[in-house]
Amino acid sequence: MEETIQPLSRIFIEIGPLKIYWYGALIGTGVAIGYIMATRETIKRGLPKDTFADLLLWALPISIICARLYYVAFRFEHYVDDPIRMLYIWEGGLAIHGGLIGGVATAIVYAKKQNIPIFKLLDIAAPSIILAQAIGRWGNFMNQEVYGGPVTREFLENLMLPNFIINQMYINGTYYHPTFLYESTWNIIGVAILLCLRRLNLKQGEIFYSYLIWYSIGRFVIEGMRLDNLMMGDTLRTAQVASIILIIGAVITWIYRRRAGLANQGYLDEVVKQQKNNKGKKRKKK
């Protein structure tokens, strides 16, 4: 006998004709929390308090546009007969790699205009970016997308998942792997790792490279489990190709900048310098 399990409502708030979907609300929440994190770190690193407020005015809409264009480009056949649906972002379909391209490109232009070291800016942003991605994946959960292959209810119960997650993974009569949850969890671990790396005074840019490597490893593995992939042709998963490029690119650039002497500034150089000055002052007083 087929189970009758109703999916959770995709609508967060409905006021008359106005509907705010969980997908957008959760992405917005991730951005807001990430912004608060980045702003606090910005002050500690000696940059103007409004650095990320000004940056997000441009980076957020550009990232959303790029994320949508990236998604539509690899799913164009779904929109040929009804092009207006390209604008329906509340239905899902924001590709993280597209958003990352748009956001980083905007940050590069902004940093150059404001005379801010770009790698310092990206290092500050890295934990916020991966945290926003972790929260945003729950928007995919509410839309019943970003899921893996079929499993049994018993399998999901053995993962000790709450019923609301198990039930939401019941799609068209079948239970599926909650790959959104796997990626969200991977990203949360990534946040913790990046926050720890901040204490090591890596060279500027290397926290951001660490983010690219960590996220891409997880994305490559988890993407192999998913059924709703963006594809390059009939065999290549777009996200896996992008992940390999990012891992290789980050590693090569990391090594090259170190060997070429281009990575001279440490992430915590200002703090280390201040600590030395404070010690010097204490010695003079003695």
C-alpha atoms as a PDB file:
ATOM      1  CA  MET A   1       0.000   0.000   0.000  1.00  0.00           C
ATOM      2  CA  GLU A   2       1.481   3.358  -1.024  1.00  0.00           C
ATOM      3  CA  GLU A   3       2.216   5.783   1.796  1.00  0.00           C
ATOM      4  CA  THR A   4       0.486   9.166   1.879  1.00  0.00           C
ATOM      5  CA  ILE A   5       3.054  11.691   3.085  1.00  0.00           C
ATOM      6  CA  GLN A   6       2.549  15.330   2.254  1.00  0.00           C
ATOM      7  CA  PRO A   7       5.645  17.455   1.628  1.00  0.00           C
ATOM      8  CA  LEU A   8       6.299  20.531   3.732  1.00  0.00           C
ATOM      9  CA  SER A   9       4.936  23.777   2.351  1.00  0.00           C
ATOM     10  CA  ARG A  10       7.423  25.666   0.212  1.00  0.00           C
ATOM     11  CA  ILE A  11       5.871  28.966   1.305  1.00  0.00           C
ATOM     12  CA  PHE A  12       7.417  30.699   4.322  1.00  0.00           C
ATOM     13  CA  ILE A  13       5.025  33.657   4.564  1.00  0.00           C
ATOM     14  CA  GLU A  14       1.947  34.515   2.526  1.00  0.00           C
ATOM     15  CA  ILE A  15       0.354  37.962   2.829  1.00  0.00           C
ATOM     16  CA  GLY A  16      -2.396  38.421   0.281  1.00  0.00           C
ATOM     17  CA  PRO A  17      -0.838  37.994  -3.161  1.00  0.00           C
ATOM     18  CA  LEU A  18       2.686  38.235  -1.699  1.00  0.00           C
ATOM     19  CA  LYS A  19       4.465  34.928  -1.167  1.00  0.00           C
ATOM     20  CA  ILE A  20       7.893  34.506   0.376  1.00  0.00           C
ATOM     21  CA  TYR A  21       9.287  31.030  -0.194  1.00  0.00           C
ATOM     22  CA  TRP A  22      11.479  29.077   2.191  1.00  0.00           C
ATOM     23  CA  TYR A  23      14.087  28.828  -0.558  1.00  0.00           C
ATOM     24  CA  GLY A  24      14.612  32.569  -0.677  1.00  0.00           C
ATOM     25  CA  ALA A  25      14.164  33.041   3.075  1.00  0.00           C
ATOM     26  CA  LEU A  26      16.870  30.497   3.909  1.00  0.00           C
ATOM     27  CA  ILE A  27      19.310  31.846   1.342  1.00  0.00           C
ATOM     28  CA  GLY A  28      18.671  35.323   2.760  1.00  0.00           C
ATOM     29  CA  THR A  29      19.256  34.030   6.284  1.00  0.00           C
ATOM     30  CA  GLY A  30      22.558  32.500   5.243  1.00  0.00           C
ATOM     31  CA  VAL A  31      23.671  35.745   3.629  1.00  0.00           C
ATOM     32  CA  ALA A  32      22.647  37.773   6.697  1.00  0.00           C
ATOM     33  CA  ILE A  33      24.505  35.550   9.175  1.00  0.00           C
ATOM     34  CA  GLY A  34      27.522  35.417   6.892  1.00  0.00           C
ATOM     35  CA  TYR A  35      27.493  39.210   6.642  1.00  0.00           C
ATOM     36  CA  ILE A  36      27.493  39.585  10.437  1.00  0.00           C
ATOM     37  CA  MET A  37      30.407  37.150  10.741  1.00  0.00           C
ATOM     38  CA  ALA A  38      32.403  38.894   8.038  1.00  0.00           C
ATOM     39  CA  THR A  39      31.768  42.365   9.442  1.00  0.00           C
ATOM     40  CA  ARG A  40      33.019  41.373  12.890  1.00  0.00           C
ATOM     41  CA  GLU A  41      36.176  39.927  11.381  1.00  0.00           C
ATOM     42  CA  THR A  42      36.573  42.968   9.127  1.00  0.00           C
ATOM     43  CA  ILE A  43      36.822  45.241  12.172  1.00  0.00           C
ATOM     44  CA  LYS A  44      39.391  42.948  13.805  1.00  0.00           C
ATOM     45  CA  ARG A  45      41.498  43.004  10.643  1.00  0.00           C
ATOM     46  CA  GLY A  46      41.561  46.786  10.528  1.00  0.00           C
ATOM     47  CA  LEU A  47      39.283  47.359   7.534  1.00  0.00           C
ATOM     48  CA  PRO A  48      36.352  49.825   7.484  1.00  0.00           C
ATOM     49  CA  LYS A  49      33.261  48.480   9.251  1.00  0.00           C
ATOM     50  CA  ASP A  50      31.037  49.000   6.199  1.00  0.00           C
ATOM     51  CA  THR A  51      33.339  47.096   3.819  1.00  0.00           C
ATOM     52  CA  PHE A  52      31.013  44.123   3.351  1.00  0.00           C
ATOM     53  CA  ALA A  53      27.857  46.218   3.471  1.00  0.00           C
ATOM     54  CA  ASP A  54      29.122  48.168   0.467  1.00  0.00           C
ATOM     55  CA  LEU A  55      30.416  45.043  -1.262  1.00  0.00           C
ATOM     56  CA  LEU A  56      27.149  43.124  -0.862  1.00  0.00           C
ATOM     57  CA  LEU A  57      25.156  45.921  -2.510  1.00  0.00           C
ATOM     58  CA  TRP A  58      26.827  44.837  -5.744  1.00  0.00           C
ATOM     59  CA  ALA A  59      27.981  41.286  -5.074  1.00  0.00           C
ATOM     60  CA  LEU A  60      24.623  39.889  -3.933  1.00  0.00           C
ATOM     61  CA  PRO A  61      22.522  40.758  -7.016  1.00  0.00           C
ATOM     62  CA  ILE A  62      25.397  39.966  -9.379  1.00  0.00           C
ATOM     63  CA  SER A  63      25.932  36.580  -7.690  1.00  0.00           C
ATOM     64  CA  ILE A  64      22.236  35.728  -7.933  1.00  0.00           C
ATOM     65  CA  ILE A  65      22.145  36.673 -11.616  1.00  0.00           C
ATOM     66  CA  CYS A  66      25.297  34.663 -12.358  1.00  0.00           C
ATOM     67  CA  ALA A  67      24.030  31.688 -10.344  1.00  0.00           C
ATOM     68  CA  ARG A  68      20.800  31.674 -12.328  1.00  0.00           C
ATOM     69  CA  LEU A  69      22.491  32.159 -15.697  1.00  0.00           C
ATOM     70  CA  TYR A  70      24.896  29.302 -14.917  1.00  0.00           C
ATOM     71  CA  TYR A  71      21.995  27.012 -14.012  1.00  0.00           C
ATOM     72  CA  VAL A  72      19.875  27.956 -17.025  1.00  0.00           C
ATOM     73  CA  ALA A  73      22.838  27.531 -19.387  1.00  0.00           C
ATOM     74  CA  PHE A  74      23.136  23.857 -18.432  1.00  0.00           C
ATOM     75  CA  ARG A  75      19.372  23.265 -18.291  1.00  0.00           C
ATOM     76  CA  PHE A  76      18.403  25.374 -21.257  1.00  0.00           C
ATOM     77  CA  GLU A  77      16.202  22.672 -22.766  1.00  0.00           C
ATOM     78  CA  HIS A  78      13.853  23.028 -19.775  1.00  0.00           C
ATOM     79  CA  TYR A  79      13.170  26.687 -20.594  1.00  0.00           C
ATOM     80  CA  VAL A  80      13.014  26.758 -24.397  1.00  0.00           C
ATOM     81  CA  ASP A  81       9.236  26.314 -24.539  1.00  0.00           C
ATOM     82  CA  ASP A  82       8.531  28.654 -21.619  1.00  0.00           C
ATOM     83  CA  PRO A  83      11.367  31.232 -21.366  1.00  0.00           C
ATOM     84  CA  ILE A  84       9.628  33.327 -18.701  1.00  0.00           C
ATOM     85  CA  ARG A  85      10.333  30.536 -16.211  1.00  0.00           C
ATOM     86  CA  MET A  86      14.001  31.505 -16.353  1.00  0.00           C
ATOM     87  CA  LEU A  87      13.017  34.274 -13.932  1.00  0.00           C
ATOM     88  CA  TYR A  88      11.290  31.944 -11.433  1.00  0.00           C
ATOM     89  CA  ILE A  89      14.206  31.626  -9.022  1.00  0.00           C
ATOM     90  CA  TRP A  90      11.854  30.754  -6.136  1.00  0.00           C
ATOM     91  CA  GLU A  91      11.417  27.376  -7.812  1.00  0.00           C
ATOM     92  CA  GLY A  92      15.112  26.698  -7.197  1.00  0.00           C
ATOM     93  CA  GLY A  93      17.906  26.655  -9.701  1.00  0.00           C
ATOM     94  CA  LEU A  94      20.706  28.852  -8.382  1.00  0.00           C
ATOM     95  CA  ALA A  95      24.027  27.186  -9.154  1.00  0.00           C
ATOM     96  CA  ILE A  96      26.619  27.754  -6.429  1.00  0.00           C
ATOM     97  CA  HIS A  97      29.540  27.786  -8.850  1.00  0.00           C
ATOM     98  CA  GLY A  98      27.883  30.483 -10.936  1.00  0.00           C
ATOM     99  CA  GLY A  99      27.234  32.562  -7.839  1.00  0.00           C
ATOM    100  CA  LEU A 100      30.832  32.080  -6.723  1.00  0.00           C
ATOM    101  CA  ILE A 101      32.149  33.309 -10.073  1.00  0.00           C
ATOM    102  CA  GLY A 102      29.964  36.416  -9.902  1.00  0.00           C
ATOM    103  CA  GLY A 103      30.767  37.128  -6.266  1.00  0.00           C
ATOM    104  CA  VAL A 104      34.536  36.763  -6.596  1.00  0.00           C
ATOM    105  CA  ALA A 105      34.625  38.844  -9.786  1.00  0.00           C
ATOM    106  CA  THR A 106      32.694  41.603  -8.022  1.00  0.00           C
ATOM    107  CA  ALA A 107      34.993  41.407  -4.990  1.00  0.00           C
ATOM    108  CA  ILE A 108      38.068  41.783  -7.223  1.00  0.00           C
ATOM    109  CA  VAL A 109      36.699  44.968  -8.818  1.00  0.00           C
ATOM    110  CA  TYR A 110      35.545  46.343  -5.460  1.00  0.00           C
ATOM    111  CA  ALA A 111      38.867  45.609  -3.732  1.00  0.00           C
ATOM    112  CA  LYS A 112      40.795  47.333  -6.507  1.00  0.00           C
ATOM    113  CA  LYS A 113      38.628  50.456  -6.323  1.00  0.00           C
ATOM    114  CA  GLN A 114      38.787  50.614  -2.519  1.00  0.00           C
ATOM    115  CA  ASN A 115      42.511  49.788  -2.403  1.00  0.00           C
ATOM    116  CA  ILE A 116      41.905  46.718  -0.219  1.00  0.00           C
ATOM    117  CA  PRO A 117      44.105  43.613  -0.618  1.00  0.00           C
ATOM    118  CA  ILE A 118      41.851  41.180  -2.479  1.00  0.00           C
ATOM    119  CA  PHE A 119      43.216  38.075  -0.771  1.00  0.00           C
ATOM    120  CA  LYS A 120      42.665  39.643   2.637  1.00  0.00           C
ATOM    121  CA  LEU A 121      39.056  40.358   1.657  1.00  0.00           C
ATOM    122  CA  LEU A 122      38.495  36.819   0.342  1.00  0.00           C
ATOM    123  CA  ASP A 123      40.058  35.271   3.462  1.00  0.00           C
ATOM    124  CA  ILE A 124      37.657  37.220   5.669  1.00  0.00           C
ATOM    125  CA  ALA A 125      34.715  36.195   3.499  1.00  0.00           C
ATOM    126  CA  ALA A 126      35.553  32.471   3.168  1.00  0.00           C
ATOM    127  CA  PRO A 127      33.917  31.155   6.386  1.00  0.00           C
ATOM    128  CA  SER A 128      30.858  33.305   5.702  1.00  0.00           C
ATOM    129  CA  ILE A 129      30.520  31.965   2.164  1.00  0.00           C
ATOM    130  CA  ILE A 130      30.589  28.310   3.148  1.00  0.00           C
ATOM    131  CA  LEU A 131      28.236  28.958   6.097  1.00  0.00           C
ATOM    132  CA  ALA A 132      25.743  30.646   3.769  1.00  0.00           C
ATOM    133  CA  GLN A 133      26.013  27.630   1.462  1.00  0.00           C
ATOM    134  CA  ALA A 134      25.317  25.282   4.375  1.00  0.00           C
ATOM    135  CA  ILE A 135      22.165  27.192   5.348  1.00  0.00           C
ATOM    136  CA  GLY A 136      21.069  27.673   1.749  1.00  0.00           C
ATOM    137  CA  ARG A 137      21.023  23.919   1.155  1.00  0.00           C
ATOM    138  CA  TRP A 138      18.007  23.745   3.467  1.00  0.00           C
ATOM    139  CA  GLY A 139      16.163  25.801   0.876  1.00  0.00           C
ATOM    140  CA  ASN A 140      16.787  22.908  -1.515  1.00  0.00           C
ATOM    141  CA  PHE A 141      15.374  20.616   1.174  1.00  0.00           C
ATOM    142  CA  MET A 142      12.137  22.618   1.309  1.00  0.00           C
ATOM    143  CA  ASN A 143      11.899  22.445  -2.496  1.00  0.00           C
ATOM    144  CA  GLN A 144      12.556  18.679  -2.469  1.00  0.00           C
ATOM    145  CA  GLU A 145      15.604  19.003  -4.699  1.00  0.00           C
ATOM    146  CA  VAL A 146      19.320  18.167  -4.432  1.00  0.00           C
ATOM    147  CA  TYR A 147      18.649  14.541  -3.487  1.00  0.00           C
ATOM    148  CA  GLY A 148      20.462  11.326  -4.249  1.00  0.00           C
ATOM    149  CA  GLY A 149      19.520   7.827  -5.273  1.00  0.00           C
ATOM    150  CA  PRO A 150      16.598   5.827  -3.869  1.00  0.00           C
ATOM    151  CA  VAL A 151      16.852   4.323  -0.379  1.00  0.00           C
ATOM    152  CA  THR A 152      14.485   2.730   2.101  1.00  0.00           C
ATOM    153  CA  ARG A 153      12.801   4.472   5.009  1.00  0.00           C
ATOM    154  CA  GLU A 154      14.701   2.100   7.288  1.00  0.00           C
ATOM    155  CA  PHE A 155      17.981   3.403   5.874  1.00  0.00           C
ATOM    156  CA  LEU A 156      17.010   6.981   6.697  1.00  0.00           C
ATOM    157  CA  GLU A 157      15.828   6.008  10.158  1.00  0.00           C
ATOM    158  CA  ASN A 158      19.177   4.312  10.809  1.00  0.00           C
ATOM    159  CA  LEU A 159      20.832   7.692  10.155  1.00  0.00           C
ATOM    160  CA  MET A 160      18.936   8.914  13.240  1.00  0.00           C
ATOM    161  CA  LEU A 161      17.230  11.626  11.202  1.00  0.00           C
ATOM    162  CA  PRO A 162      14.108  13.356  12.531  1.00  0.00           C
ATOM    163  CA  ASN A 163      10.827  12.434  10.884  1.00  0.00           C
ATOM    164  CA  PHE A 164      10.386  15.797   9.149  1.00  0.00           C
ATOM    165  CA  ILE A 165      13.576  15.175   7.134  1.00  0.00           C
ATOM    166  CA  ILE A 166      12.692  11.543   6.408  1.00  0.00           C
ATOM    167  CA  ASN A 167       9.201  12.486   5.258  1.00  0.00           C
ATOM    168  CA  GLN A 168      10.468  15.295   3.055  1.00  0.00           C
ATOM    169  CA  MET A 169      12.762  12.799   1.337  1.00  0.00           C
ATOM    170  CA  TYR A 170       9.663  10.849   0.228  1.00  0.00           C
ATOM    171  CA  ILE A 171       9.281  12.102  -3.340  1.00  0.00           C
ATOM    172  CA  ASN A 172       6.839  10.653  -5.860  1.00  0.00           C
ATOM    173  CA  GLY A 173       6.466   7.426  -3.927  1.00  0.00           C
ATOM    174  CA  THR A 174      10.164   6.813  -3.219  1.00  0.00           C
ATOM    175  CA  TYR A 175      12.610   7.719  -0.443  1.00  0.00           C
ATOM    176  CA  TYR A 176      15.900   9.307  -1.518  1.00  0.00           C
ATOM    177  CA  HIS A 177      19.341  10.084  -0.113  1.00  0.00           C
ATOM    178  CA  PRO A 178      19.269  13.509   1.631  1.00  0.00           C
ATOM    179  CA  THR A 179      22.348  14.733  -0.213  1.00  0.00           C
ATOM    180  CA  PHE A 180      21.400  18.315   0.673  1.00  0.00           C
ATOM    181  CA  LEU A 181      22.031  17.323   4.300  1.00  0.00           C
ATOM    182  CA  TYR A 182      25.338  15.623   3.533  1.00  0.00           C
ATOM    183  CA  GLU A 183      26.594  18.771   1.817  1.00  0.00           C
ATOM    184  CA  SER A 184      25.226  21.078   4.500  1.00  0.00           C
ATOM    185  CA  THR A 185      26.981  19.041   7.196  1.00  0.00           C
ATOM    186  CA  TRP A 186      30.231  18.984   5.197  1.00  0.00           C
ATOM    187  CA  ASN A 187      30.051  22.753   4.881  1.00  0.00           C
ATOM    188  CA  ILE A 188      29.433  23.275   8.612  1.00  0.00           C
ATOM    189  CA  ILE A 189      32.558  21.243   9.333  1.00  0.00           C
ATOM    190  CA  GLY A 190      34.315  23.446   6.777  1.00  0.00           C
ATOM    191  CA  VAL A 191      33.289  26.566   8.714  1.00  0.00           C
ATOM    192  CA  ALA A 192      34.916  25.163  11.858  1.00  0.00           C
ATOM    193  CA  ILE A 193      38.105  24.271   9.971  1.00  0.00           C
ATOM    194  CA  LEU A 194      38.405  27.714   8.375  1.00  0.00           C
ATOM    195  CA  LEU A 195      37.868  29.450  11.718  1.00  0.00           C
ATOM    196  CA  CYS A 196      40.674  27.330  13.180  1.00  0.00           C
ATOM    197  CA  LEU A 197      42.956  28.136  10.229  1.00  0.00           C
ATOM    198  CA  ARG A 198      42.519  31.837  11.004  1.00  0.00           C
ATOM    199  CA  ARG A 199      44.628  31.321  14.124  1.00  0.00           C
ATOM    200  CA  LEU A 200      47.606  29.916  12.204  1.00  0.00           C
ATOM    201  CA  ASN A 201      48.527  33.149  10.399  1.00  0.00           C
ATOM    202  CA  LEU A 202      48.572  31.559   6.962  1.00  0.00           C
ATOM    203  CA  LYS A 203      49.596  33.783   4.091  1.00  0.00           C
ATOM    204  CA  GLN A 204      46.852  35.987   2.685  1.00  0.00           C
ATOM    205  CA  GLY A 205      44.707  34.042   0.245  1.00  0.00           C
ATOM    206  CA  GLU A 206      45.368  30.632   1.766  1.00  0.00           C
ATOM    207  CA  ILE A 207      42.237  30.554   3.906  1.00  0.00           C
ATOM    208  CA  PHE A 208      40.224  31.201   0.752  1.00  0.00           C
ATOM    209  CA  TYR A 209      42.159  28.497  -1.092  1.00  0.00           C
ATOM    210  CA  SER A 210      41.417  26.140   1.806  1.00  0.00           C
ATOM    211  CA  TYR A 211      37.733  26.928   1.411  1.00  0.00           C
ATOM    212  CA  LEU A 212      37.854  26.152  -2.314  1.00  0.00           C
ATOM    213  CA  ILE A 213      39.636  22.857  -1.715  1.00  0.00           C
ATOM    214  CA  TRP A 214      37.447  21.712   1.191  1.00  0.00           C
ATOM    215  CA  TYR A 215      34.163  22.636  -0.446  1.00  0.00           C
ATOM    216  CA  SER A 216      35.166  21.167  -3.802  1.00  0.00           C
ATOM    217  CA  ILE A 217      36.212  17.800  -2.348  1.00  0.00           C
ATOM    218  CA  GLY A 218      32.863  17.414  -0.627  1.00  0.00           C
ATOM    219  CA  ARG A 219      30.925  18.683  -3.615  1.00  0.00           C
ATOM    220  CA  PHE A 220      32.718  16.285  -5.978  1.00  0.00           C
ATOM    221  CA  VAL A 221      31.877  13.245  -3.846  1.00  0.00           C
ATOM    222  CA  ILE A 222      28.300  14.234  -3.017  1.00  0.00           C
ATOM    223  CA  GLU A 223      27.553  15.292  -6.596  1.00  0.00           C
ATOM    224  CA  GLY A 224      28.259  11.714  -7.637  1.00  0.00           C
ATOM    225  CA  MET A 225      25.323  10.606  -5.476  1.00  0.00           C
ATOM    226  CA  ARG A 226      22.818  13.116  -6.838  1.00  0.00           C
ATOM    227  CA  LEU A 227      20.195  12.467  -9.490  1.00  0.00           C
ATOM    228  CA  ASP A 228      19.342  16.072 -10.423  1.00  0.00           C
ATOM    229  CA  ASN A 229      22.732  17.064 -11.795  1.00  0.00           C
ATOM    230  CA  LEU A 230      23.628  19.791 -14.241  1.00  0.00           C
ATOM    231  CA  MET A 231      25.383  17.992 -17.087  1.00  0.00           C
ATOM    232  CA  MET A 232      28.028  18.726 -19.713  1.00  0.00           C
ATOM    233  CA  GLY A 233      26.863  16.510 -22.511  1.00  0.00           C
ATOM    234  CA  ASP A 234      25.670  13.047 -21.512  1.00  0.00           C
ATOM    235  CA  THR A 235      28.431  11.937 -19.165  1.00  0.00           C
ATOM    236  CA  LEU A 236      30.126  14.825 -17.339  1.00  0.00           C
ATOM    237  CA  ARG A 237      28.561  16.317 -14.227  1.00  0.00           C
ATOM    238  CA  THR A 238      29.151  20.067 -14.378  1.00  0.00           C
ATOM    239  CA  ALA A 239      29.747  20.490 -10.629  1.00  0.00           C
ATOM    240  CA  GLN A 240      32.306  17.682 -10.562  1.00  0.00           C
ATOM    241  CA  VAL A 241      34.243  19.230 -13.452  1.00  0.00           C
ATOM    242  CA  ALA A 242      34.138  22.626 -11.725  1.00  0.00           C
ATOM    243  CA  SER A 243      35.258  21.039  -8.429  1.00  0.00           C
ATOM    244  CA  ILE A 244      38.294  19.379 -10.033  1.00  0.00           C
ATOM    245  CA  ILE A 245      39.270  22.661 -11.706  1.00  0.00           C
ATOM    246  CA  LEU A 246      38.950  24.559  -8.407  1.00  0.00           C
ATOM    247  CA  ILE A 247      40.968  21.999  -6.424  1.00  0.00           C
ATOM    248  CA  ILE A 248      43.794  21.868  -8.958  1.00  0.00           C
ATOM    249  CA  GLY A 249      43.732  25.631  -9.482  1.00  0.00           C
ATOM    250  CA  ALA A 250      43.792  26.386  -5.747  1.00  0.00           C
ATOM    251  CA  VAL A 251      46.659  23.971  -5.041  1.00  0.00           C
ATOM    252  CA  ILE A 252      48.783  25.180  -7.961  1.00  0.00           C
ATOM    253  CA  THR A 253      48.195  28.856  -7.153  1.00  0.00           C
ATOM    254  CA  TRP A 254      48.902  28.271  -3.455  1.00  0.00           C
ATOM    255  CA  ILE A 255      52.260  26.631  -4.226  1.00  0.00           C
ATOM    256  CA  TYR A 256      53.173  29.129  -6.953  1.00  0.00           C
ATOM    257  CA  ARG A 257      52.503  32.196  -4.778  1.00  0.00           C
ATOM    258  CA  ARG A 258      54.646  30.742  -1.994  1.00  0.00           C
ATOM    259  CA  ARG A 259      57.582  29.827  -4.266  1.00  0.00           C
ATOM    260  CA  ALA A 260      57.435  33.053  -6.265  1.00  0.00           C
ATOM    261  CA  GLY A 261      57.465  35.168  -3.119  1.00  0.00           C
ATOM    262  CA  LEU A 262      54.051  36.651  -3.872  1.00  0.00           C
ATOM    263  CA  ALA A 263      52.542  35.537  -0.558  1.00  0.00           C
ATOM    264  CA  ASN A 264      54.393  37.863   1.780  1.00  0.00           C
ATOM    265  CA  GLN A 265      51.603  39.121   4.023  1.00  0.00           C
ATOM    266  CA  GLY A 266      50.157  36.872   6.719  1.00  0.00           C
ATOM    267  CA  TYR A 267      46.480  36.919   7.650  1.00  0.00           C
ATOM    268  CA  LEU A 268      47.293  37.930  11.247  1.00  0.00           C
ATOM    269  CA  ASP A 269      50.351  40.112  10.606  1.00  0.00           C
ATOM    270  CA  GLU A 270      48.702  43.166  12.168  1.00  0.00           C
ATOM    271  CA  VAL A 271      47.879  41.199  15.314  1.00  0.00           C
ATOM    272  CA  VAL A 272      51.375  39.714  15.569  1.00  0.00           C
ATOM    273  CA  LYS A 273      52.924  43.167  15.090  1.00  0.00           C
ATOM    274  CA  GLN A 274      50.675  44.655  17.775  1.00  0.00           C
ATOM    275  CA  GLN A 275      51.567  41.873  20.207  1.00  0.00           C
ATOM    276  CA  LYS A 276      55.295  42.501  19.636  1.00  0.00           C
ATOM    277  CA  ASN A 277      54.814  46.221  20.214  1.00  0.00           C
ATOM    278  CA  ASN A 278      52.931  45.551  23.431  1.00  0.00           C
ATOM    279  CA  LYS A 279      55.698  43.238  24.675  1.00  0.00           C
ATOM    280  CA  GLY A 280      58.298  45.903  23.825  1.00  0.00           C
ATOM    281  CA  LYS A 281      56.398  48.521  25.790  1.00  0.00           C
ATOM    282  CA  LYS A 282      56.150  46.226  28.815  1.00  0.00           C
ATOM    283  CA  ARG A 283      59.903  45.582  28.750  1.00  0.00           C
ATOM    284  CA  LYS A 284      60.635  49.311  28.637  1.00  0.00           C
ATOM    285  CA  LYS A 285      58.432  49.904  31.671  1.00  0.00           C
ATOM    286  CA  LYS A 286      60.372  47.278  33.623  1.00  0.00           C
END
